Amino acid sequence: MGRGVMLALAGICVFAVVAALMLKLMPGPLHDSDYMIVGSVATLIALLVLFLVLVTTSRSSNVFFKKRRK
């Protein structure tokens, strides 16, 4: 399996776990805005985890800067 597919599946799994956990922890009855908040927070955390995985597994030592050619 390719690296991109694995990262996508990991992101989907993190999103699903965070969304399910937040739905379980939020007091009921839930309104439309509550579902929007759950989805937003789950998306934020999934993207943060994806970013951290990409940064920590990159091959270059300096991820954010590249040396320019002279």
PDB file of N, CA and C in Angstrom:
ATOM      1  N   MET A   1       0.833  -1.172   0.000  1.00  0.00           N
ATOM      2  CA  MET A   1       0.000   0.000   0.000  1.00  0.00           C
ATOM      3  C   MET A   1       0.883   1.243   0.000  1.00  0.00           C
ATOM      4  N   GLY A   2       0.493   2.242  -0.732  1.00  0.00           N
ATOM      5  CA  GLY A   2       1.290   3.456  -0.827  1.00  0.00           C
ATOM      6  C   GLY A   2       1.193   4.310   0.420  1.00  0.00           C
ATOM      7  N   ARG A   3       2.154   5.207   0.518  1.00  0.00           N
ATOM      8  CA  ARG A   3       2.209   6.087   1.689  1.00  0.00           C
ATOM      9  C   ARG A   3       0.996   7.003   1.739  1.00  0.00           C
ATOM     10  N   GLY A   4       0.565   7.505   0.610  1.00  0.00           N
ATOM     11  CA  GLY A   4      -0.587   8.396   0.567  1.00  0.00           C
ATOM     12  C   GLY A   4      -1.872   7.719   1.003  1.00  0.00           C
ATOM     13  N   VAL A   5      -2.045   6.475   0.584  1.00  0.00           N
ATOM     14  CA  VAL A   5      -3.240   5.723   0.971  1.00  0.00           C
ATOM     15  C   VAL A   5      -3.239   5.460   2.470  1.00  0.00           C
ATOM     16  N   MET A   6      -2.074   5.114   3.000  1.00  0.00           N
ATOM     17  CA  MET A   6      -1.973   4.866   4.441  1.00  0.00           C
ATOM     18  C   MET A   6      -2.255   6.137   5.249  1.00  0.00           C
ATOM     19  N   LEU A   7      -1.743   7.270   4.787  1.00  0.00           N
ATOM     20  CA  LEU A   7      -2.001   8.527   5.481  1.00  0.00           C
ATOM     21  C   LEU A   7      -3.476   8.907   5.416  1.00  0.00           C
ATOM     22  N   ALA A   8      -4.100   8.679   4.272  1.00  0.00           N
ATOM     23  CA  ALA A   8      -5.526   8.980   4.139  1.00  0.00           C
ATOM     24  C   ALA A   8      -6.362   8.102   5.064  1.00  0.00           C
ATOM     25  N   LEU A   9      -6.053   6.817   5.123  1.00  0.00           N
ATOM     26  CA  LEU A   9      -6.790   5.923   6.010  1.00  0.00           C
ATOM     27  C   LEU A   9      -6.570   6.290   7.476  1.00  0.00           C
ATOM     28  N   ALA A  10      -5.352   6.666   7.822  1.00  0.00           N
ATOM     29  CA  ALA A  10      -5.077   7.079   9.197  1.00  0.00           C
ATOM     30  C   ALA A  10      -5.846   8.351   9.547  1.00  0.00           C
ATOM     31  N   GLY A  11      -5.906   9.288   8.617  1.00  0.00           N
ATOM     32  CA  GLY A  11      -6.658  10.525   8.846  1.00  0.00           C
ATOM     33  C   GLY A  11      -8.135  10.266   9.027  1.00  0.00           C
ATOM     34  N   ILE A  12      -8.683   9.375   8.220  1.00  0.00           N
ATOM     35  CA  ILE A  12     -10.106   9.031   8.339  1.00  0.00           C
ATOM     36  C   ILE A  12     -10.379   8.345   9.670  1.00  0.00           C
ATOM     37  N   CYS A  13      -9.476   7.470  10.079  1.00  0.00           N
ATOM     38  CA  CYS A  13      -9.648   6.773  11.363  1.00  0.00           C
ATOM     39  C   CYS A  13      -9.574   7.753  12.530  1.00  0.00           C
ATOM     40  N   VAL A  14      -8.622   8.676  12.494  1.00  0.00           N
ATOM     41  CA  VAL A  14      -8.509   9.667  13.564  1.00  0.00           C
ATOM     42  C   VAL A  14      -9.762  10.531  13.610  1.00  0.00           C
ATOM     43  N   PHE A  15     -10.260  10.950  12.453  1.00  0.00           N
ATOM     44  CA  PHE A  15     -11.481  11.756  12.393  1.00  0.00           C
ATOM     45  C   PHE A  15     -12.652  11.000  13.003  1.00  0.00           C
ATOM     46  N   ALA A  16     -12.817   9.738  12.634  1.00  0.00           N
ATOM     47  CA  ALA A  16     -13.944   8.950  13.131  1.00  0.00           C
ATOM     48  C   ALA A  16     -13.866   8.743  14.641  1.00  0.00           C
ATOM     49  N   VAL A  17     -12.679   8.474  15.145  1.00  0.00           N
ATOM     50  CA  VAL A  17     -12.520   8.246  16.586  1.00  0.00           C
ATOM     51  C   VAL A  17     -12.814   9.526  17.366  1.00  0.00           C
ATOM     52  N   VAL A  18     -12.275  10.648  16.908  1.00  0.00           N
ATOM     53  CA  VAL A  18     -12.490  11.917  17.613  1.00  0.00           C
ATOM     54  C   VAL A  18     -13.960  12.318  17.549  1.00  0.00           C
ATOM     55  N   ALA A  19     -14.593  12.154  16.395  1.00  0.00           N
ATOM     56  CA  ALA A  19     -16.005  12.510  16.269  1.00  0.00           C
ATOM     57  C   ALA A  19     -16.869  11.628  17.171  1.00  0.00           C
ATOM     58  N   ALA A  20     -16.601  10.334  17.197  1.00  0.00           N
ATOM     59  CA  ALA A  20     -17.384   9.432  18.045  1.00  0.00           C
ATOM     60  C   ALA A  20     -17.171   9.762  19.519  1.00  0.00           C
ATOM     61  N   LEU A  21     -15.944  10.059  19.893  1.00  0.00           N
ATOM     62  CA  LEU A  21     -15.650  10.395  21.281  1.00  0.00           C
ATOM     63  C   LEU A  21     -16.355  11.685  21.699  1.00  0.00           C
ATOM     64  N   MET A  22     -16.326  12.681  20.835  1.00  0.00           N
ATOM     65  CA  MET A  22     -16.980  13.949  21.167  1.00  0.00           C
ATOM     66  C   MET A  22     -18.490  13.801  21.226  1.00  0.00           C
ATOM     67  N   LEU A  23     -19.070  13.011  20.339  1.00  0.00           N
ATOM     68  CA  LEU A  23     -20.516  12.790  20.380  1.00  0.00           C
ATOM     69  C   LEU A  23     -20.916  12.080  21.667  1.00  0.00           C
ATOM     70  N   LYS A  24     -20.046  11.203  22.138  1.00  0.00           N
ATOM     71  CA  LYS A  24     -20.320  10.475  23.379  1.00  0.00           C
ATOM     72  C   LYS A  24     -20.210  11.403  24.594  1.00  0.00           C
ATOM     73  N   LEU A  25     -19.247  12.327  24.563  1.00  0.00           N
ATOM     74  CA  LEU A  25     -18.995  13.188  25.713  1.00  0.00           C
ATOM     75  C   LEU A  25     -19.898  14.418  25.787  1.00  0.00           C
ATOM     76  N   MET A  26     -20.440  14.868  24.659  1.00  0.00           N
ATOM     77  CA  MET A  26     -21.270  16.073  24.664  1.00  0.00           C
ATOM     78  C   MET A  26     -22.628  15.765  25.284  1.00  0.00           C
ATOM     79  N   PRO A  27     -23.086  16.675  26.126  1.00  0.00           N
ATOM     80  CA  PRO A  27     -24.392  16.443  26.756  1.00  0.00           C
ATOM     81  C   PRO A  27     -25.525  16.615  25.747  1.00  0.00           C
ATOM     82  N   GLY A  28     -26.528  15.810  25.890  1.00  0.00           N
ATOM     83  CA  GLY A  28     -27.667  15.880  24.979  1.00  0.00           C
ATOM     84  C   GLY A  28     -28.722  16.815  25.508  1.00  0.00           C
ATOM     85  N   PRO A  29     -29.715  17.134  24.769  1.00  0.00           N
ATOM     86  CA  PRO A  29     -29.920  16.786  23.358  1.00  0.00           C
ATOM     87  C   PRO A  29     -29.054  17.651  22.448  1.00  0.00           C
ATOM     88  N   LEU A  30     -28.568  17.043  21.395  1.00  0.00           N
ATOM     89  CA  LEU A  30     -27.668  17.738  20.473  1.00  0.00           C
ATOM     90  C   LEU A  30     -28.457  18.502  19.418  1.00  0.00           C
ATOM     91  N   HIS A  31     -27.961  19.690  19.093  1.00  0.00           N
ATOM     92  CA  HIS A  31     -28.562  20.523  18.057  1.00  0.00           C
ATOM     93  C   HIS A  31     -27.662  20.498  16.816  1.00  0.00           C
ATOM     94  N   ASP A  32     -28.126  21.155  15.769  1.00  0.00           N
ATOM     95  CA  ASP A  32     -27.337  21.189  14.531  1.00  0.00           C
ATOM     96  C   ASP A  32     -25.969  21.831  14.752  1.00  0.00           C
ATOM     97  N   SER A  33     -25.933  22.873  15.554  1.00  0.00           N
ATOM     98  CA  SER A  33     -24.649  23.550  15.798  1.00  0.00           C
ATOM     99  C   SER A  33     -23.684  22.646  16.567  1.00  0.00           C
ATOM    100  N   ASP A  34     -24.197  21.766  17.413  1.00  0.00           N
ATOM    101  CA  ASP A  34     -23.335  20.831  18.131  1.00  0.00           C
ATOM    102  C   ASP A  34     -22.648  19.862  17.170  1.00  0.00           C
ATOM    103  N   TYR A  35     -23.391  19.392  16.191  1.00  0.00           N
ATOM    104  CA  TYR A  35     -22.799  18.497  15.188  1.00  0.00           C
ATOM    105  C   TYR A  35     -21.748  19.221  14.354  1.00  0.00           C
ATOM    106  N   MET A  36     -21.989  20.504  14.079  1.00  0.00           N
ATOM    107  CA  MET A  36     -21.010  21.289  13.331  1.00  0.00           C
ATOM    108  C   MET A  36     -19.729  21.457  14.148  1.00  0.00           C
ATOM    109  N   ILE A  37     -19.859  21.694  15.449  1.00  0.00           N
ATOM    110  CA  ILE A  37     -18.694  21.836  16.312  1.00  0.00           C
ATOM    111  C   ILE A  37     -17.921  20.526  16.388  1.00  0.00           C
ATOM    112  N   VAL A  38     -18.623  19.412  16.521  1.00  0.00           N
ATOM    113  CA  VAL A  38     -17.968  18.102  16.577  1.00  0.00           C
ATOM    114  C   VAL A  38     -17.196  17.839  15.287  1.00  0.00           C
ATOM    115  N   GLY A  39     -17.803  18.109  14.154  1.00  0.00           N
ATOM    116  CA  GLY A  39     -17.127  17.908  12.875  1.00  0.00           C
ATOM    117  C   GLY A  39     -15.928  18.818  12.694  1.00  0.00           C
ATOM    118  N   SER A  40     -16.059  20.057  13.142  1.00  0.00           N
ATOM    119  CA  SER A  40     -14.953  21.015  13.014  1.00  0.00           C
ATOM    120  C   SER A  40     -13.771  20.614  13.878  1.00  0.00           C
ATOM    121  N   VAL A  41     -14.036  20.240  15.123  1.00  0.00           N
ATOM    122  CA  VAL A  41     -12.953  19.851  16.019  1.00  0.00           C
ATOM    123  C   VAL A  41     -12.301  18.558  15.541  1.00  0.00           C
ATOM    124  N   ALA A  42     -13.110  17.605  15.070  1.00  0.00           N
ATOM    125  CA  ALA A  42     -12.556  16.350  14.562  1.00  0.00           C
ATOM    126  C   ALA A  42     -11.692  16.593  13.327  1.00  0.00           C
ATOM    127  N   THR A  43     -12.111  17.489  12.463  1.00  0.00           N
ATOM    128  CA  THR A  43     -11.313  17.832  11.285  1.00  0.00           C
ATOM    129  C   THR A  43     -10.007  18.495  11.688  1.00  0.00           C
ATOM    130  N   LEU A  44     -10.071  19.426  12.635  1.00  0.00           N
ATOM    131  CA  LEU A  44      -8.871  20.110  13.100  1.00  0.00           C
ATOM    132  C   LEU A  44      -7.867  19.128  13.689  1.00  0.00           C
ATOM    133  N   ILE A  45      -8.326  18.225  14.525  1.00  0.00           N
ATOM    134  CA  ILE A  45      -7.417  17.265  15.151  1.00  0.00           C
ATOM    135  C   ILE A  45      -6.863  16.287  14.120  1.00  0.00           C
ATOM    136  N   ALA A  46      -7.690  15.833  13.180  1.00  0.00           N
ATOM    137  CA  ALA A  46      -7.207  14.916  12.148  1.00  0.00           C
ATOM    138  C   ALA A  46      -6.143  15.579  11.276  1.00  0.00           C
ATOM    139  N   LEU A  47      -6.340  16.835  10.919  1.00  0.00           N
ATOM    140  CA  LEU A  47      -5.333  17.545  10.124  1.00  0.00           C
ATOM    141  C   LEU A  47      -4.062  17.804  10.917  1.00  0.00           C
ATOM    142  N   LEU A  48      -4.197  18.091  12.209  1.00  0.00           N
ATOM    143  CA  LEU A  48      -3.025  18.286  13.055  1.00  0.00           C
ATOM    144  C   LEU A  48      -2.217  16.996  13.175  1.00  0.00           C
ATOM    145  N   VAL A  49      -2.885  15.881  13.359  1.00  0.00           N
ATOM    146  CA  VAL A  49      -2.188  14.592  13.435  1.00  0.00           C
ATOM    147  C   VAL A  49      -1.510  14.282  12.105  1.00  0.00           C
ATOM    148  N   LEU A  50      -2.193  14.532  11.004  1.00  0.00           N
ATOM    149  CA  LEU A  50      -1.611  14.298   9.680  1.00  0.00           C
ATOM    150  C   LEU A  50      -0.369  15.161   9.468  1.00  0.00           C
ATOM    151  N   PHE A  51      -0.440  16.425   9.858  1.00  0.00           N
ATOM    152  CA  PHE A  51       0.708  17.319   9.738  1.00  0.00           C
ATOM    153  C   PHE A  51       1.881  16.829  10.578  1.00  0.00           C
ATOM    154  N   LEU A  52       1.615  16.450  11.815  1.00  0.00           N
ATOM    155  CA  LEU A  52       2.689  15.980  12.684  1.00  0.00           C
ATOM    156  C   LEU A  52       3.322  14.690  12.171  1.00  0.00           C
ATOM    157  N   VAL A  53       2.518  13.809  11.612  1.00  0.00           N
ATOM    158  CA  VAL A  53       3.062  12.573  11.044  1.00  0.00           C
ATOM    159  C   VAL A  53       3.937  12.887   9.838  1.00  0.00           C
ATOM    160  N   LEU A  54       3.476  13.789   8.987  1.00  0.00           N
ATOM    161  CA  LEU A  54       4.277  14.144   7.812  1.00  0.00           C
ATOM    162  C   LEU A  54       5.584  14.823   8.202  1.00  0.00           C
ATOM    163  N   VAL A  55       5.562  15.684   9.211  1.00  0.00           N
ATOM    164  CA  VAL A  55       6.778  16.380   9.626  1.00  0.00           C
ATOM    165  C   VAL A  55       7.760  15.416  10.280  1.00  0.00           C
ATOM    166  N   THR A  56       7.262  14.524  11.132  1.00  0.00           N
ATOM    167  CA  THR A  56       8.178  13.636  11.841  1.00  0.00           C
ATOM    168  C   THR A  56       8.726  12.528  10.957  1.00  0.00           C
ATOM    169  N   THR A  57       8.049  12.173   9.892  1.00  0.00           N
ATOM    170  CA  THR A  57       8.530  11.097   9.030  1.00  0.00           C
ATOM    171  C   THR A  57       9.210  11.591   7.763  1.00  0.00           C
ATOM    172  N   SER A  58       9.408  12.897   7.658  1.00  0.00           N
ATOM    173  CA  SER A  58      10.065  13.403   6.450  1.00  0.00           C
ATOM    174  C   SER A  58      11.539  13.028   6.478  1.00  0.00           C
ATOM    175  N   ARG A  59      12.108  12.899   5.320  1.00  0.00           N
ATOM    176  CA  ARG A  59      13.506  12.452   5.202  1.00  0.00           C
ATOM    177  C   ARG A  59      14.499  13.586   5.386  1.00  0.00           C
ATOM    178  N   SER A  60      14.081  14.795   5.065  1.00  0.00           N
ATOM    179  CA  SER A  60      15.021  15.911   5.200  1.00  0.00           C
ATOM    180  C   SER A  60      15.058  16.374   6.659  1.00  0.00           C
ATOM    181  N   SER A  61      16.189  16.894   7.054  1.00  0.00           N
ATOM    182  CA  SER A  61      16.343  17.328   8.441  1.00  0.00           C
ATOM    183  C   SER A  61      15.659  18.665   8.690  1.00  0.00           C
ATOM    184  N   ASN A  62      15.582  19.499   7.671  1.00  0.00           N
ATOM    185  CA  ASN A  62      14.960  20.806   7.817  1.00  0.00           C
ATOM    186  C   ASN A  62      13.738  20.852   6.907  1.00  0.00           C
ATOM    187  N   VAL A  63      12.572  20.644   7.468  1.00  0.00           N
ATOM    188  CA  VAL A  63      11.356  20.460   6.679  1.00  0.00           C
ATOM    189  C   VAL A  63      10.858  21.764   6.078  1.00  0.00           C
ATOM    190  N   PHE A  64      10.974  22.860   6.798  1.00  0.00           N
ATOM    191  CA  PHE A  64      10.308  24.092   6.378  1.00  0.00           C
ATOM    192  C   PHE A  64      11.151  24.996   5.490  1.00  0.00           C
ATOM    193  N   PHE A  65      12.451  24.750   5.393  1.00  0.00           N
ATOM    194  CA  PHE A  65      13.307  25.607   4.576  1.00  0.00           C
ATOM    195  C   PHE A  65      14.135  24.757   3.632  1.00  0.00           C
ATOM    196  N   LYS A  66      14.360  25.293   2.449  1.00  0.00           N
ATOM    197  CA  LYS A  66      15.239  24.657   1.472  1.00  0.00           C
ATOM    198  C   LYS A  66      16.362  25.624   1.135  1.00  0.00           C
ATOM    199  N   LYS A  67      17.527  25.087   0.859  1.00  0.00           N
ATOM    200  CA  LYS A  67      18.629  25.942   0.414  1.00  0.00           C
ATOM    201  C   LYS A  67      18.413  26.281  -1.051  1.00  0.00           C
ATOM    202  N   ARG A  68      18.691  27.524  -1.355  1.00  0.00           N
ATOM    203  CA  ARG A  68      18.558  27.957  -2.738  1.00  0.00           C
ATOM    204  C   ARG A  68      19.833  27.655  -3.505  1.00  0.00           C
ATOM    205  N   ARG A  69      19.644  27.414  -4.792  1.00  0.00           N
ATOM    206  CA  ARG A  69      20.812  27.300  -5.665  1.00  0.00           C
ATOM    207  C   ARG A  69      21.395  28.663  -5.910  1.00  0.00           C
ATOM    208  N   LYS A  70      22.692  28.711  -6.020  1.00  0.00           N
ATOM    209  CA  LYS A  70      23.334  29.997  -6.302  1.00  0.00           C
ATOM    210  C   LYS A  70      23.588  30.166  -7.766  1.00  0.00           C
TER     211      LYS A  70
END
